Amino acid sequence: MAKNPRLPERFAPPPEVSSKKRIVKTEELRAVTPVGGIMIVRNIRDKEVLDTTYLAHGGAIAQMILDRRTLKEIGFLAIAMLAPGKTIEAHVDPMEEIYFIMTGEGEMTVDNETRHVKPGDATWIPTGSSHALTNSGTEDCVVLVVASPAW
């Protein structure tokens, strides 16, 4: 699989594995597993994830790990990489979200409140709230984003 030069190394596809063991891919399991009896395991290097790469709100390289194509009640789980000095521009979503900081640091704004965030911090964003994140550190800020529709 060719490396995408636009993606940081952590988002790049894994090198091809050559071993005597056969790895069963998720799509193969879907073909033989009855609906309802399936466990989905998705890796950020899977083709299904890499194919969703996009620029999120003007600042972050993002990918959908799991979304409405497979999820039933949760909106999505995404991963985003925000380079130093870059900003996920203020925006409003029609669902509540959680931003979980994996690496790096930044300034998270929800409505009129701004706080410094670092690895291990989870920020709850209510439905309809304006929110933005600026990477104020010297390394990439990697964020997991979970979204759920309002009930």
C-alpha atoms as a PDB file:
ATOM      1  CA  MET A   1       0.000   0.000   0.000  1.00  0.00           C
ATOM      2  CA  ALA A   2       1.485   3.359  -0.994  1.00  0.00           C
ATOM      3  CA  LYS A   3       2.142   5.997   1.663  1.00  0.00           C
ATOM      4  CA  ASN A   4       0.101   9.177   1.322  1.00  0.00           C
ATOM      5  CA  PRO A   5       2.664  12.055   1.440  1.00  0.00           C
ATOM      6  CA  ARG A   6       0.002  14.480   2.735  1.00  0.00           C
ATOM      7  CA  LEU A   7      -0.528  12.533   5.969  1.00  0.00           C
ATOM      8  CA  PRO A   8       1.617  12.611   9.102  1.00  0.00           C
ATOM      9  CA  GLU A   9       3.358   9.301   9.830  1.00  0.00           C
ATOM     10  CA  ARG A  10       0.847   8.299  12.543  1.00  0.00           C
ATOM     11  CA  PHE A  11      -1.936   8.475   9.946  1.00  0.00           C
ATOM     12  CA  ALA A  12      -0.014   6.618   7.261  1.00  0.00           C
ATOM     13  CA  PRO A  13      -0.922   3.045   6.291  1.00  0.00           C
ATOM     14  CA  PRO A  14       1.084   0.295   7.999  1.00  0.00           C
ATOM     15  CA  PRO A  15       3.792  -1.519   6.071  1.00  0.00           C
ATOM     16  CA  GLU A  16       2.671  -4.719   4.391  1.00  0.00           C
ATOM     17  CA  VAL A  17       2.874  -7.686   6.748  1.00  0.00           C
ATOM     18  CA  SER A  18       4.533 -10.806   5.444  1.00  0.00           C
ATOM     19  CA  SER A  19       4.163 -13.760   7.767  1.00  0.00           C
ATOM     20  CA  LYS A  20       2.811 -17.270   7.604  1.00  0.00           C
ATOM     21  CA  LYS A  21      -0.186 -16.304   9.737  1.00  0.00           C
ATOM     22  CA  ARG A  22      -3.200 -15.021   7.855  1.00  0.00           C
ATOM     23  CA  ILE A  23      -4.828 -11.902   9.259  1.00  0.00           C
ATOM     24  CA  VAL A  24      -8.591 -11.856   8.786  1.00  0.00           C
ATOM     25  CA  LYS A  25      -9.778  -8.412   7.749  1.00  0.00           C
ATOM     26  CA  THR A  26     -12.954  -6.798   9.063  1.00  0.00           C
ATOM     27  CA  GLU A  27     -14.631  -6.866   5.640  1.00  0.00           C
ATOM     28  CA  GLU A  28     -14.019 -10.619   5.424  1.00  0.00           C
ATOM     29  CA  LEU A  29     -15.690 -11.082   8.808  1.00  0.00           C
ATOM     30  CA  ARG A  30     -18.689  -9.057   7.677  1.00  0.00           C
ATOM     31  CA  ALA A  31     -19.109 -11.391   4.714  1.00  0.00           C
ATOM     32  CA  VAL A  32     -19.371 -14.504   6.915  1.00  0.00           C
ATOM     33  CA  THR A  33     -20.806 -13.183  10.196  1.00  0.00           C
ATOM     34  CA  PRO A  34     -24.572 -12.859  10.642  1.00  0.00           C
ATOM     35  CA  VAL A  35     -25.867  -9.317  11.101  1.00  0.00           C
ATOM     36  CA  GLY A  36     -26.103  -8.525  14.795  1.00  0.00           C
ATOM     37  CA  GLY A  37     -23.313 -10.916  15.773  1.00  0.00           C
ATOM     38  CA  ILE A  38     -20.436  -8.739  14.658  1.00  0.00           C
ATOM     39  CA  MET A  39     -17.749  -7.009  16.623  1.00  0.00           C
ATOM     40  CA  ILE A  40     -16.171  -4.166  14.686  1.00  0.00           C
ATOM     41  CA  VAL A  41     -12.522  -3.405  15.302  1.00  0.00           C
ATOM     42  CA  ARG A  42     -11.221  -0.450  13.368  1.00  0.00           C
ATOM     43  CA  ASN A  43      -7.633   0.815  13.269  1.00  0.00           C
ATOM     44  CA  ILE A  44      -6.656   4.339  12.252  1.00  0.00           C
ATOM     45  CA  ARG A  45      -4.499   2.784   9.529  1.00  0.00           C
ATOM     46  CA  ASP A  46      -7.375   0.793   7.972  1.00  0.00           C
ATOM     47  CA  LYS A  47      -8.314   1.734   4.428  1.00  0.00           C
ATOM     48  CA  GLU A  48     -11.880   2.511   5.544  1.00  0.00           C
ATOM     49  CA  VAL A  49     -10.480   5.143   7.913  1.00  0.00           C
ATOM     50  CA  LEU A  50      -7.784   6.541   5.617  1.00  0.00           C
ATOM     51  CA  ASP A  51     -10.370   6.977   2.858  1.00  0.00           C
ATOM     52  CA  THR A  52     -12.283   9.428   5.078  1.00  0.00           C
ATOM     53  CA  THR A  53      -9.377  11.884   5.540  1.00  0.00           C
ATOM     54  CA  TYR A  54     -10.519  15.504   5.332  1.00  0.00           C
ATOM     55  CA  LEU A  55      -9.661  19.016   6.529  1.00  0.00           C
ATOM     56  CA  ALA A  56     -11.837  19.683   9.576  1.00  0.00           C
ATOM     57  CA  HIS A  57     -13.094  23.226  10.100  1.00  0.00           C
ATOM     58  CA  GLY A  58     -10.101  24.820   8.433  1.00  0.00           C
ATOM     59  CA  GLY A  59      -7.356  23.470  10.666  1.00  0.00           C
ATOM     60  CA  ALA A  60      -7.119  19.772  11.483  1.00  0.00           C
ATOM     61  CA  ILE A  61      -6.499  16.683   9.392  1.00  0.00           C
ATOM     62  CA  ALA A  62      -9.300  14.383  10.494  1.00  0.00           C
ATOM     63  CA  GLN A  63     -10.543  10.886   9.847  1.00  0.00           C
ATOM     64  CA  MET A  64     -13.699   9.022  10.773  1.00  0.00           C
ATOM     65  CA  ILE A  65     -12.776   5.895  12.710  1.00  0.00           C
ATOM     66  CA  LEU A  66     -16.402   4.812  13.097  1.00  0.00           C
ATOM     67  CA  ASP A  67     -19.460   6.651  11.818  1.00  0.00           C
ATOM     68  CA  ARG A  68     -23.090   6.239  10.761  1.00  0.00           C
ATOM     69  CA  ARG A  69     -22.055   3.655   8.161  1.00  0.00           C
ATOM     70  CA  THR A  70     -21.572   1.198  11.038  1.00  0.00           C
ATOM     71  CA  LEU A  71     -22.836   2.838  14.241  1.00  0.00           C
ATOM     72  CA  LYS A  72     -26.478   2.689  15.223  1.00  0.00           C
ATOM     73  CA  GLU A  73     -26.862   5.255  18.020  1.00  0.00           C
ATOM     74  CA  ILE A  74     -23.560   7.115  18.376  1.00  0.00           C
ATOM     75  CA  GLY A  75     -22.916   9.732  15.687  1.00  0.00           C
ATOM     76  CA  PHE A  76     -19.216   9.088  15.140  1.00  0.00           C
ATOM     77  CA  LEU A  77     -15.741   8.556  16.561  1.00  0.00           C
ATOM     78  CA  ALA A  78     -13.108  10.603  14.759  1.00  0.00           C
ATOM     79  CA  ILE A  79      -9.432  11.367  15.201  1.00  0.00           C
ATOM     80  CA  ALA A  80      -7.984  14.760  14.340  1.00  0.00           C
ATOM     81  CA  MET A  81      -4.412  16.039  14.170  1.00  0.00           C
ATOM     82  CA  LEU A  82      -3.884  19.752  14.689  1.00  0.00           C
ATOM     83  CA  ALA A  83      -0.377  21.081  13.909  1.00  0.00           C
ATOM     84  CA  PRO A  84       1.246  23.689  16.188  1.00  0.00           C
ATOM     85  CA  GLY A  85      -0.328  27.111  15.681  1.00  0.00           C
ATOM     86  CA  LYS A  86      -3.312  25.727  13.738  1.00  0.00           C
ATOM     87  CA  THR A  87      -6.942  26.190  14.767  1.00  0.00           C
ATOM     88  CA  ILE A  88     -10.108  24.185  14.381  1.00  0.00           C
ATOM     89  CA  GLU A  89     -12.266  27.208  13.597  1.00  0.00           C
ATOM     90  CA  ALA A  90     -15.280  28.050  15.733  1.00  0.00           C
ATOM     91  CA  HIS A  91     -18.320  26.128  14.549  1.00  0.00           C
ATOM     92  CA  VAL A  92     -21.633  24.791  15.815  1.00  0.00           C
ATOM     93  CA  ASP A  93     -22.748  21.186  15.429  1.00  0.00           C
ATOM     94  CA  PRO A  94     -26.279  19.777  15.723  1.00  0.00           C
ATOM     95  CA  MET A  95     -25.101  17.145  18.235  1.00  0.00           C
ATOM     96  CA  GLU A  96     -23.230  16.985  21.507  1.00  0.00           C
ATOM     97  CA  GLU A  97     -19.538  16.131  21.292  1.00  0.00           C
ATOM     98  CA  ILE A  98     -16.586  15.219  23.452  1.00  0.00           C
ATOM     99  CA  TYR A  99     -13.042  16.271  22.496  1.00  0.00           C
ATOM    100  CA  PHE A 100     -10.465  14.024  24.193  1.00  0.00           C
ATOM    101  CA  ILE A 101      -6.847  15.228  23.997  1.00  0.00           C
ATOM    102  CA  MET A 102      -4.449  12.342  23.297  1.00  0.00           C
ATOM    103  CA  THR A 103      -1.215  14.306  22.689  1.00  0.00           C
ATOM    104  CA  GLY A 104      -0.181  17.933  22.570  1.00  0.00           C
ATOM    105  CA  GLU A 105      -2.003  20.843  24.142  1.00  0.00           C
ATOM    106  CA  GLY A 106      -4.202  23.723  23.219  1.00  0.00           C
ATOM    107  CA  GLU A 107      -6.765  26.354  24.037  1.00  0.00           C
ATOM    108  CA  MET A 108     -10.314  24.979  23.887  1.00  0.00           C
ATOM    109  CA  THR A 109     -13.198  27.413  23.600  1.00  0.00           C
ATOM    110  CA  VAL A 110     -16.828  26.453  24.177  1.00  0.00           C
ATOM    111  CA  ASP A 111     -19.219  29.379  23.733  1.00  0.00           C
ATOM    112  CA  ASN A 112     -17.561  32.228  25.677  1.00  0.00           C
ATOM    113  CA  GLU A 113     -15.280  30.122  27.896  1.00  0.00           C
ATOM    114  CA  THR A 114     -11.667  29.202  27.031  1.00  0.00           C
ATOM    115  CA  ARG A 115      -9.501  26.736  28.935  1.00  0.00           C
ATOM    116  CA  HIS A 116      -6.068  25.198  28.451  1.00  0.00           C
ATOM    117  CA  VAL A 117      -6.289  21.466  27.586  1.00  0.00           C
ATOM    118  CA  LYS A 118      -3.628  18.773  27.704  1.00  0.00           C
ATOM    119  CA  PRO A 119      -3.333  14.972  27.277  1.00  0.00           C
ATOM    120  CA  GLY A 120      -6.046  13.164  29.207  1.00  0.00           C
ATOM    121  CA  ASP A 121      -8.481  16.104  29.189  1.00  0.00           C
ATOM    122  CA  ALA A 122     -12.024  15.539  27.921  1.00  0.00           C
ATOM    123  CA  THR A 123     -14.168  18.543  27.003  1.00  0.00           C
ATOM    124  CA  TRP A 124     -17.936  18.187  26.754  1.00  0.00           C
ATOM    125  CA  ILE A 125     -19.544  20.354  24.082  1.00  0.00           C
ATOM    126  CA  PRO A 126     -23.323  20.713  24.401  1.00  0.00           C
ATOM    127  CA  THR A 127     -25.531  20.523  21.308  1.00  0.00           C
ATOM    128  CA  GLY A 128     -25.600  23.906  19.558  1.00  0.00           C
ATOM    129  CA  SER A 129     -22.564  25.369  21.361  1.00  0.00           C
ATOM    130  CA  SER A 130     -19.886  27.181  19.396  1.00  0.00           C
ATOM    131  CA  HIS A 131     -16.506  25.529  19.872  1.00  0.00           C
ATOM    132  CA  ALA A 132     -12.927  25.862  18.639  1.00  0.00           C
ATOM    133  CA  LEU A 133      -9.490  24.457  19.465  1.00  0.00           C
ATOM    134  CA  THR A 134      -6.111  26.099  18.878  1.00  0.00           C
ATOM    135  CA  ASN A 135      -2.876  24.142  19.225  1.00  0.00           C
ATOM    136  CA  SER A 136      -0.806  26.362  21.522  1.00  0.00           C
ATOM    137  CA  GLY A 137       2.011  23.835  21.949  1.00  0.00           C
ATOM    138  CA  THR A 138       5.082  22.805  20.014  1.00  0.00           C
ATOM    139  CA  GLU A 139       3.917  19.326  18.975  1.00  0.00           C
ATOM    140  CA  ASP A 140       0.898  17.997  17.108  1.00  0.00           C
ATOM    141  CA  CYS A 141      -2.299  17.983  19.130  1.00  0.00           C
ATOM    142  CA  VAL A 142      -4.158  14.714  18.516  1.00  0.00           C
ATOM    143  CA  VAL A 143      -7.808  14.662  19.517  1.00  0.00           C
ATOM    144  CA  LEU A 144     -10.434  11.945  19.602  1.00  0.00           C
ATOM    145  CA  VAL A 145     -13.887  13.344  18.882  1.00  0.00           C
ATOM    146  CA  VAL A 146     -17.040  11.478  19.893  1.00  0.00           C
ATOM    147  CA  ALA A 147     -20.398  12.804  18.714  1.00  0.00           C
ATOM    148  CA  SER A 148     -23.904  11.730  19.543  1.00  0.00           C
ATOM    149  CA  PRO A 149     -27.203  13.021  18.235  1.00  0.00           C
ATOM    150  CA  ALA A 150     -29.431  14.854  20.700  1.00  0.00           C
ATOM    151  CA  TRP A 151     -32.125  12.573  22.098  1.00  0.00           C
END
